[in-house]
Amino acid sequence: MAFDINEFLPYRMVRLANAMSEAFSEVYERAGLTIPQWRVLVHLAQHPGATAKQLCDLASMDKSTVSRAIKQLQQQDMLVAKQSETDKRATEMSLTHTGKALYEALTPQALDWENKLLNELNTDEKQALLAMMQKLEGRFISQ
């Protein structure tokens, strides 16, 4: 049996994820955000007070990428950082009014983009895809 990288499921999924990410970037790039900035912004909107380490875990990004995104978002007045009251070694981040407003403006666009993508599938295909993804994620990703 010959090995064909183009038929290898992990490779296909990475290619698909990269292609989808590239296509989706049109939504947040119009707001001047990069992929890491978008992910940090969204995770902070959903997890106010998260630390940089928590953001790394939530967004599946490395520490240096998250640190850069945090610094850039601070410079754009999108987030503020403050020392944790319970752990003086930790810094907690939260979105500013500007950051929250951008999140609220981009979220409907993101959902619309996703809806258009999923419209390529019929109802049964959508349900099957989501069920299969959940099953595979359960094997690799702790939630």
N, C-alpha and C. Protein backbone atom coordinates (compact mmCIF):
# COMPACT_ATOMS: atom_id res chain seq x y z
N MET A 1 0.84 -1.18 0.00
CA MET A 1 0.00 0.00 0.00
C MET A 1 0.89 1.25 0.00
N ALA A 2 0.67 2.12 -0.95
CA ALA A 2 1.46 3.35 -1.07
C ALA A 2 0.88 4.43 -0.17
N PHE A 3 1.77 5.21 0.40
CA PHE A 3 1.35 6.32 1.25
C PHE A 3 1.20 7.56 0.40
N ASP A 4 0.01 8.16 0.43
CA ASP A 4 -0.26 9.39 -0.30
C ASP A 4 -0.58 10.49 0.72
N ILE A 5 0.35 11.41 0.87
CA ILE A 5 0.19 12.50 1.85
C ILE A 5 -1.11 13.26 1.61
N ASN A 6 -1.51 13.38 0.36
CA ASN A 6 -2.72 14.13 0.04
C ASN A 6 -4.00 13.43 0.49
N GLU A 7 -3.91 12.17 0.84
CA GLU A 7 -5.05 11.41 1.36
C GLU A 7 -4.95 11.16 2.86
N PHE A 8 -3.87 11.61 3.49
CA PHE A 8 -3.62 11.40 4.90
C PHE A 8 -4.47 12.39 5.70
N LEU A 9 -5.38 11.88 6.54
CA LEU A 9 -6.36 12.71 7.22
C LEU A 9 -5.75 13.89 7.99
N PRO A 10 -4.74 13.70 8.83
CA PRO A 10 -4.19 14.87 9.54
C PRO A 10 -3.70 15.96 8.58
N TYR A 11 -3.06 15.56 7.49
CA TYR A 11 -2.58 16.54 6.52
C TYR A 11 -3.75 17.27 5.86
N ARG A 12 -4.77 16.52 5.49
CA ARG A 12 -5.94 17.12 4.85
C ARG A 12 -6.63 18.10 5.79
N MET A 13 -6.72 17.73 7.06
CA MET A 13 -7.39 18.62 8.02
C MET A 13 -6.59 19.90 8.25
N VAL A 14 -5.27 19.78 8.30
CA VAL A 14 -4.42 20.97 8.46
C VAL A 14 -4.56 21.87 7.24
N ARG A 15 -4.53 21.27 6.06
CA ARG A 15 -4.69 22.07 4.83
C ARG A 15 -6.03 22.79 4.83
N LEU A 16 -7.09 22.07 5.19
CA LEU A 16 -8.42 22.67 5.23
C LEU A 16 -8.48 23.78 6.27
N ALA A 17 -7.93 23.52 7.46
CA ALA A 17 -7.93 24.54 8.51
C ALA A 17 -7.17 25.79 8.07
N ASN A 18 -6.03 25.60 7.44
CA ASN A 18 -5.24 26.74 6.96
C ASN A 18 -6.00 27.52 5.88
N ALA A 19 -6.64 26.80 4.98
CA ALA A 19 -7.40 27.47 3.91
C ALA A 19 -8.59 28.23 4.49
N MET A 20 -9.27 27.62 5.45
CA MET A 20 -10.41 28.29 6.08
C MET A 20 -9.94 29.51 6.86
N SER A 21 -8.85 29.37 7.58
CA SER A 21 -8.31 30.48 8.37
C SER A 21 -7.93 31.64 7.45
N GLU A 22 -7.30 31.31 6.35
CA GLU A 22 -6.90 32.35 5.38
C GLU A 22 -8.14 33.06 4.82
N ALA A 23 -9.15 32.30 4.45
CA ALA A 23 -10.37 32.90 3.90
C ALA A 23 -11.10 33.73 4.97
N PHE A 24 -11.14 33.22 6.20
CA PHE A 24 -11.83 33.92 7.27
C PHE A 24 -11.10 35.20 7.68
N SER A 25 -9.82 35.27 7.42
CA SER A 25 -9.04 36.44 7.85
C SER A 25 -9.58 37.74 7.28
N GLU A 26 -10.33 37.66 6.19
CA GLU A 26 -10.91 38.88 5.62
C GLU A 26 -11.81 39.60 6.63
N VAL A 27 -12.41 38.85 7.54
CA VAL A 27 -13.31 39.45 8.52
C VAL A 27 -12.55 40.34 9.50
N TYR A 28 -11.50 39.81 10.11
CA TYR A 28 -10.81 40.60 11.14
C TYR A 28 -9.69 41.47 10.58
N GLU A 29 -9.18 41.15 9.40
CA GLU A 29 -8.14 42.01 8.81
C GLU A 29 -8.68 43.38 8.45
N ARG A 30 -9.97 43.45 8.11
CA ARG A 30 -10.58 44.75 7.82
C ARG A 30 -10.53 45.66 9.04
N ALA A 31 -10.48 45.04 10.23
CA ALA A 31 -10.38 45.81 11.47
C ALA A 31 -8.93 46.01 11.88
N GLY A 32 -7.99 45.57 11.05
CA GLY A 32 -6.58 45.75 11.33
C GLY A 32 -5.98 44.73 12.28
N LEU A 33 -6.64 43.59 12.46
CA LEU A 33 -6.15 42.57 13.38
C LEU A 33 -5.43 41.44 12.65
N THR A 34 -4.49 40.84 13.35
CA THR A 34 -3.82 39.64 12.88
C THR A 34 -4.54 38.42 13.48
N ILE A 35 -4.18 37.23 13.03
CA ILE A 35 -4.77 36.01 13.59
C ILE A 35 -4.58 35.95 15.11
N PRO A 36 -3.34 36.11 15.61
CA PRO A 36 -3.17 36.05 17.07
C PRO A 36 -3.96 37.13 17.81
N GLN A 37 -4.02 38.33 17.26
CA GLN A 37 -4.78 39.40 17.90
C GLN A 37 -6.27 39.05 17.95
N TRP A 38 -6.79 38.53 16.85
CA TRP A 38 -8.20 38.13 16.79
C TRP A 38 -8.49 37.07 17.85
N ARG A 39 -7.64 36.07 17.94
CA ARG A 39 -7.86 34.98 18.90
C ARG A 39 -7.79 35.48 20.34
N VAL A 40 -6.83 36.34 20.63
CA VAL A 40 -6.71 36.89 21.98
C VAL A 40 -7.95 37.74 22.30
N LEU A 41 -8.36 38.57 21.36
CA LEU A 41 -9.53 39.43 21.54
C LEU A 41 -10.77 38.58 21.86
N VAL A 42 -11.00 37.55 21.07
CA VAL A 42 -12.19 36.71 21.27
C VAL A 42 -12.13 35.97 22.60
N HIS A 43 -10.97 35.40 22.91
CA HIS A 43 -10.86 34.65 24.17
C HIS A 43 -10.99 35.57 25.38
N LEU A 44 -10.48 36.79 25.29
CA LEU A 44 -10.64 37.72 26.41
C LEU A 44 -12.10 38.16 26.55
N ALA A 45 -12.79 38.28 25.43
CA ALA A 45 -14.21 38.63 25.50
C ALA A 45 -14.99 37.53 26.21
N GLN A 46 -14.57 36.30 26.00
CA GLN A 46 -15.27 35.16 26.58
C GLN A 46 -14.70 34.72 27.93
N HIS A 47 -13.48 35.17 28.24
CA HIS A 47 -12.81 34.83 29.51
C HIS A 47 -12.13 36.06 30.09
N PRO A 48 -12.93 37.06 30.51
CA PRO A 48 -12.31 38.27 31.08
C PRO A 48 -11.44 37.92 32.28
N GLY A 49 -10.30 38.59 32.38
CA GLY A 49 -9.39 38.35 33.49
C GLY A 49 -8.42 37.22 33.25
N ALA A 50 -8.41 36.65 32.04
CA ALA A 50 -7.49 35.56 31.73
C ALA A 50 -6.05 36.06 31.78
N THR A 51 -5.16 35.17 32.15
CA THR A 51 -3.73 35.48 32.14
C THR A 51 -3.16 35.11 30.78
N ALA A 52 -1.92 35.52 30.53
CA ALA A 52 -1.27 35.18 29.26
C ALA A 52 -1.17 33.67 29.11
N LYS A 53 -0.84 32.97 30.17
CA LYS A 53 -0.74 31.51 30.11
C LYS A 53 -2.08 30.89 29.76
N GLN A 54 -3.14 31.38 30.37
CA GLN A 54 -4.47 30.86 30.06
C GLN A 54 -4.83 31.14 28.60
N LEU A 55 -4.46 32.32 28.10
CA LEU A 55 -4.73 32.65 26.71
C LEU A 55 -3.96 31.72 25.76
N CYS A 56 -2.74 31.38 26.13
CA CYS A 56 -1.96 30.42 25.33
C CYS A 56 -2.72 29.11 25.21
N ASP A 57 -3.22 28.62 26.32
CA ASP A 57 -3.95 27.36 26.33
C ASP A 57 -5.26 27.47 25.57
N LEU A 58 -6.01 28.54 25.80
CA LEU A 58 -7.30 28.71 25.15
C LEU A 58 -7.18 28.84 23.63
N ALA A 59 -6.17 29.57 23.19
CA ALA A 59 -6.02 29.86 21.76
C ALA A 59 -5.08 28.90 21.05
N SER A 60 -4.50 27.96 21.80
CA SER A 60 -3.54 27.01 21.22
C SER A 60 -2.42 27.72 20.49
N MET A 61 -1.84 28.71 21.17
CA MET A 61 -0.73 29.47 20.60
C MET A 61 0.41 29.49 21.59
N ASP A 62 1.63 29.70 21.07
CA ASP A 62 2.80 29.73 21.95
C ASP A 62 2.91 31.07 22.68
N LYS A 63 3.70 31.05 23.74
CA LYS A 63 3.82 32.19 24.64
C LYS A 63 4.28 33.47 23.93
N SER A 64 5.27 33.36 23.06
CA SER A 64 5.79 34.57 22.40
C SER A 64 4.75 35.19 21.47
N THR A 65 3.97 34.35 20.79
CA THR A 65 2.93 34.85 19.88
C THR A 65 1.84 35.56 20.67
N VAL A 66 1.42 34.97 21.78
CA VAL A 66 0.39 35.58 22.62
C VAL A 66 0.91 36.87 23.24
N SER A 67 2.14 36.87 23.71
CA SER A 67 2.73 38.08 24.31
C SER A 67 2.76 39.22 23.32
N ARG A 68 3.17 38.93 22.08
CA ARG A 68 3.19 39.95 21.04
C ARG A 68 1.79 40.49 20.77
N ALA A 69 0.82 39.59 20.66
CA ALA A 69 -0.56 40.01 20.40
C ALA A 69 -1.09 40.87 21.54
N ILE A 70 -0.79 40.48 22.77
CA ILE A 70 -1.23 41.26 23.93
C ILE A 70 -0.63 42.66 23.87
N LYS A 71 0.66 42.74 23.62
CA LYS A 71 1.33 44.05 23.56
C LYS A 71 0.72 44.92 22.46
N GLN A 72 0.49 44.34 21.30
CA GLN A 72 -0.09 45.09 20.18
C GLN A 72 -1.51 45.56 20.51
N LEU A 73 -2.30 44.69 21.13
CA LEU A 73 -3.67 45.09 21.50
C LEU A 73 -3.67 46.16 22.58
N GLN A 74 -2.69 46.11 23.47
CA GLN A 74 -2.56 47.18 24.48
C GLN A 74 -2.24 48.50 23.79
N GLN A 75 -1.34 48.48 22.82
CA GLN A 75 -0.96 49.69 22.10
C GLN A 75 -2.14 50.27 21.32
N GLN A 76 -3.07 49.41 20.92
CA GLN A 76 -4.26 49.85 20.18
C GLN A 76 -5.42 50.17 21.12
N ASP A 77 -5.16 50.18 22.42
CA ASP A 77 -6.17 50.45 23.45
C ASP A 77 -7.34 49.46 23.38
N MET A 78 -7.02 48.20 23.08
CA MET A 78 -8.03 47.15 23.02
C MET A 78 -8.11 46.36 24.33
N LEU A 79 -7.00 46.31 25.07
CA LEU A 79 -7.02 45.58 26.34
C LEU A 79 -6.14 46.26 27.37
N VAL A 80 -6.45 45.95 28.61
CA VAL A 80 -5.65 46.43 29.74
C VAL A 80 -5.19 45.23 30.55
N ALA A 81 -4.04 45.40 31.17
CA ALA A 81 -3.48 44.33 32.01
C ALA A 81 -3.30 44.88 33.41
N LYS A 82 -3.62 44.04 34.40
CA LYS A 82 -3.41 44.45 35.79
C LYS A 82 -2.95 43.24 36.58
N GLN A 83 -2.21 43.53 37.63
CA GLN A 83 -1.70 42.46 38.49
C GLN A 83 -2.86 41.79 39.20
N SER A 84 -2.82 40.48 39.24
CA SER A 84 -3.85 39.70 39.92
C SER A 84 -3.85 40.03 41.42
N GLU A 85 -5.03 40.15 41.98
CA GLU A 85 -5.14 40.41 43.42
C GLU A 85 -4.87 39.14 44.22
N THR A 86 -5.11 37.98 43.62
CA THR A 86 -4.92 36.72 44.34
C THR A 86 -3.55 36.10 44.13
N ASP A 87 -2.90 36.42 42.99
CA ASP A 87 -1.57 35.88 42.69
C ASP A 87 -0.73 37.02 42.11
N LYS A 88 0.11 37.60 42.93
CA LYS A 88 0.89 38.77 42.52
C LYS A 88 1.84 38.49 41.36
N ARG A 89 2.09 37.21 41.07
CA ARG A 89 2.96 36.87 39.94
C ARG A 89 2.20 36.90 38.61
N ALA A 90 0.88 36.87 38.67
CA ALA A 90 0.06 36.78 37.46
C ALA A 90 -0.48 38.15 37.06
N THR A 91 -0.63 38.32 35.77
CA THR A 91 -1.23 39.52 35.21
C THR A 91 -2.52 39.12 34.51
N GLU A 92 -3.60 39.75 34.90
CA GLU A 92 -4.90 39.46 34.30
C GLU A 92 -5.22 40.51 33.25
N MET A 93 -5.80 40.06 32.17
CA MET A 93 -6.14 40.96 31.08
C MET A 93 -7.64 41.05 30.90
N SER A 94 -8.07 42.19 30.44
CA SER A 94 -9.48 42.36 30.07
C SER A 94 -9.57 43.36 28.94
N LEU A 95 -10.65 43.28 28.21
CA LEU A 95 -10.85 44.18 27.08
C LEU A 95 -11.27 45.56 27.57
N THR A 96 -10.82 46.57 26.87
CA THR A 96 -11.28 47.93 27.12
C THR A 96 -12.63 48.10 26.43
N HIS A 97 -13.22 49.27 26.60
CA HIS A 97 -14.47 49.57 25.89
C HIS A 97 -14.25 49.43 24.38
N THR A 98 -13.12 49.91 23.90
CA THR A 98 -12.79 49.83 22.47
C THR A 98 -12.68 48.37 22.03
N GLY A 99 -12.02 47.55 22.83
CA GLY A 99 -11.87 46.13 22.51
C GLY A 99 -13.21 45.41 22.49
N LYS A 100 -14.05 45.71 23.49
CA LYS A 100 -15.38 45.09 23.54
C LYS A 100 -16.22 45.51 22.34
N ALA A 101 -16.14 46.77 21.98
CA ALA A 101 -16.91 47.27 20.83
C ALA A 101 -16.46 46.58 19.54
N LEU A 102 -15.16 46.40 19.39
CA LEU A 102 -14.66 45.72 18.19
C LEU A 102 -15.13 44.27 18.18
N TYR A 103 -15.04 43.59 19.32
CA TYR A 103 -15.52 42.21 19.41
C TYR A 103 -16.99 42.13 19.03
N GLU A 104 -17.80 43.04 19.56
CA GLU A 104 -19.23 43.03 19.28
C GLU A 104 -19.52 43.36 17.81
N ALA A 105 -18.66 44.14 17.18
CA ALA A 105 -18.85 44.45 15.76
C ALA A 105 -18.43 43.28 14.87
N LEU A 106 -17.37 42.57 15.27
CA LEU A 106 -16.86 41.49 14.44
C LEU A 106 -17.61 40.17 14.60
N THR A 107 -18.19 39.95 15.78
CA THR A 107 -18.85 38.67 16.04
C THR A 107 -19.96 38.36 15.03
N PRO A 108 -20.88 39.28 14.73
CA PRO A 108 -21.91 38.96 13.74
C PRO A 108 -21.32 38.65 12.36
N GLN A 109 -20.24 39.33 12.02
CA GLN A 109 -19.58 39.07 10.74
C GLN A 109 -18.97 37.68 10.72
N ALA A 110 -18.37 37.28 11.85
CA ALA A 110 -17.77 35.95 11.95
C ALA A 110 -18.85 34.88 11.85
N LEU A 111 -19.95 35.08 12.53
CA LEU A 111 -21.05 34.11 12.47
C LEU A 111 -21.66 34.04 11.09
N ASP A 112 -21.76 35.17 10.42
CA ASP A 112 -22.28 35.19 9.04
C ASP A 112 -21.34 34.44 8.11
N TRP A 113 -20.03 34.64 8.29
CA TRP A 113 -19.04 33.93 7.47
C TRP A 113 -19.17 32.42 7.69
N GLU A 114 -19.28 32.01 8.94
CA GLU A 114 -19.42 30.59 9.25
C GLU A 114 -20.71 30.02 8.66
N ASN A 115 -21.79 30.77 8.76
CA ASN A 115 -23.07 30.32 8.22
C ASN A 115 -23.00 30.12 6.71
N LYS A 116 -22.34 31.03 6.02
CA LYS A 116 -22.18 30.88 4.56
C LYS A 116 -21.36 29.64 4.23
N LEU A 117 -20.35 29.37 5.02
CA LEU A 117 -19.53 28.18 4.81
C LEU A 117 -20.37 26.93 5.03
N LEU A 118 -21.10 26.88 6.12
CA LEU A 118 -21.90 25.70 6.43
C LEU A 118 -23.07 25.50 5.48
N ASN A 119 -23.46 26.57 4.78
CA ASN A 119 -24.53 26.43 3.79
C ASN A 119 -24.12 25.57 2.60
N GLU A 120 -22.83 25.24 2.50
CA GLU A 120 -22.35 24.31 1.49
C GLU A 120 -22.83 22.89 1.78
N LEU A 121 -23.25 22.66 3.02
CA LEU A 121 -23.68 21.34 3.46
C LEU A 121 -25.18 21.33 3.73
N ASN A 122 -25.80 20.16 3.53
CA ASN A 122 -27.21 20.06 3.91
C ASN A 122 -27.29 19.80 5.41
N THR A 123 -28.49 19.77 5.95
CA THR A 123 -28.68 19.65 7.40
C THR A 123 -28.05 18.37 7.95
N ASP A 124 -28.25 17.25 7.28
CA ASP A 124 -27.67 15.98 7.75
C ASP A 124 -26.15 16.02 7.72
N GLU A 125 -25.59 16.61 6.67
CA GLU A 125 -24.13 16.71 6.56
C GLU A 125 -23.56 17.60 7.67
N LYS A 126 -24.24 18.71 7.97
CA LYS A 126 -23.79 19.60 9.04
C LYS A 126 -23.77 18.86 10.37
N GLN A 127 -24.86 18.17 10.67
CA GLN A 127 -24.95 17.44 11.94
C GLN A 127 -23.88 16.36 12.01
N ALA A 128 -23.68 15.64 10.91
CA ALA A 128 -22.67 14.57 10.89
C ALA A 128 -21.27 15.15 11.06
N LEU A 129 -20.98 16.25 10.37
CA LEU A 129 -19.66 16.88 10.48
C LEU A 129 -19.39 17.31 11.92
N LEU A 130 -20.34 17.99 12.53
CA LEU A 130 -20.14 18.46 13.89
C LEU A 130 -19.99 17.31 14.87
N ALA A 131 -20.75 16.24 14.68
CA ALA A 131 -20.64 15.07 15.55
C ALA A 131 -19.28 14.40 15.39
N MET A 132 -18.81 14.28 14.16
CA MET A 132 -17.50 13.65 13.92
C MET A 132 -16.38 14.52 14.49
N MET A 133 -16.49 15.82 14.31
CA MET A 133 -15.46 16.71 14.87
C MET A 133 -15.42 16.60 16.38
N GLN A 134 -16.58 16.58 17.01
CA GLN A 134 -16.64 16.47 18.47
C GLN A 134 -16.01 15.16 18.93
N LYS A 135 -16.27 14.09 18.21
CA LYS A 135 -15.72 12.79 18.57
C LYS A 135 -14.20 12.80 18.47
N LEU A 136 -13.67 13.33 17.37
CA LEU A 136 -12.21 13.38 17.20
C LEU A 136 -11.56 14.36 18.18
N GLU A 137 -12.20 15.49 18.39
CA GLU A 137 -11.66 16.46 19.36
C GLU A 137 -11.59 15.85 20.76
N GLY A 138 -12.57 15.04 21.10
CA GLY A 138 -12.58 14.40 22.41
C GLY A 138 -11.36 13.52 22.64
N ARG A 139 -10.79 13.03 21.57
CA ARG A 139 -9.61 12.19 21.69
C ARG A 139 -8.33 12.99 21.91
N PHE A 140 -8.29 14.22 21.40
CA PHE A 140 -7.05 14.99 21.41
C PHE A 140 -7.09 16.27 22.23
N ILE A 141 -8.27 16.83 22.42
CA ILE A 141 -8.37 18.16 23.03
C ILE A 141 -9.15 18.06 24.33
N SER A 142 -8.53 18.50 25.42
CA SER A 142 -9.27 18.56 26.69
C SER A 142 -9.97 19.91 26.76
N GLN A 143 -11.22 19.90 27.08
CA GLN A 143 -12.00 21.14 27.04
C GLN A 143 -12.30 21.66 28.41
